Amino acid sequence: MPRPRWPADHRAAVVASKIDRYRRFFRRQVKNDRGRDVPLWSTLGDYSGRGG
């Protein structure tokens, strides 16, 4: 069964919505243990010690 073809404006709206969600996620700030604002995404993973 073939997949439905969505209009280009619908696909563009979906992509724009995803970009907006990513942008909001990467701008989100939280307080670290020293009380400073740091990006939330930097606190999600374990520190690997590899420097990257």
Protein backbone atom coordinates (compact mmCIF):
# COMPACT_ATOMS: atom_id res chain seq x y z
CA MET A 1 0.00 0.00 0.00
CA PRO A 2 1.57 3.33 -1.01
CA ARG A 3 2.13 6.03 1.56
CA PRO A 4 -0.04 9.14 1.23
CA ARG A 5 1.59 12.17 -0.36
CA TRP A 6 1.29 15.20 1.88
CA PRO A 7 1.24 18.68 0.39
CA ALA A 8 4.53 20.56 0.53
CA ASP A 9 3.09 23.18 2.88
CA HIS A 10 2.15 20.45 5.38
CA ARG A 11 5.66 18.97 5.27
CA ALA A 12 7.16 22.44 5.73
CA ALA A 13 4.93 23.03 8.75
CA VAL A 14 6.03 19.72 10.30
CA VAL A 15 9.70 20.55 9.79
CA ALA A 16 9.21 24.08 11.17
CA SER A 17 7.51 22.68 14.26
CA LYS A 18 10.39 20.23 14.87
CA ILE A 19 12.96 23.00 14.49
CA ASP A 20 11.02 25.12 16.98
CA ARG A 21 10.95 22.28 19.52
CA TYR A 22 14.70 21.67 19.15
CA ARG A 23 15.40 25.39 19.49
CA ARG A 24 13.35 25.64 22.70
CA PHE A 25 15.03 22.52 24.13
CA PHE A 26 18.55 23.80 23.51
CA ARG A 27 17.72 27.24 24.96
CA ARG A 28 16.30 25.81 28.21
CA GLN A 29 18.40 26.61 31.30
CA VAL A 30 18.60 25.00 34.75
CA LYS A 31 20.60 25.76 37.89
CA ASN A 32 23.67 23.62 38.50
CA ASP A 33 25.01 22.64 41.93
CA ARG A 34 26.75 26.04 42.21
CA GLY A 35 23.57 27.98 41.46
CA ARG A 36 24.62 29.04 37.96
CA ASP A 37 22.38 28.79 34.91
CA VAL A 38 23.61 26.09 32.55
CA PRO A 39 22.03 24.56 29.43
CA LEU A 40 19.72 21.67 30.33
CA TRP A 41 21.10 19.47 27.55
CA SER A 42 24.57 19.60 29.09
CA THR A 43 23.28 18.00 32.31
CA LEU A 44 21.55 15.01 30.73
CA GLY A 45 24.48 12.70 29.99
CA ASP A 46 27.11 11.15 32.20
CA TYR A 47 30.54 12.72 32.09
CA SER A 48 32.74 10.47 29.97
CA GLY A 49 36.05 12.22 30.59
CA ARG A 50 36.84 12.23 26.87
CA GLY A 51 36.51 16.00 26.55
CA GLY A 52 33.97 16.02 23.80
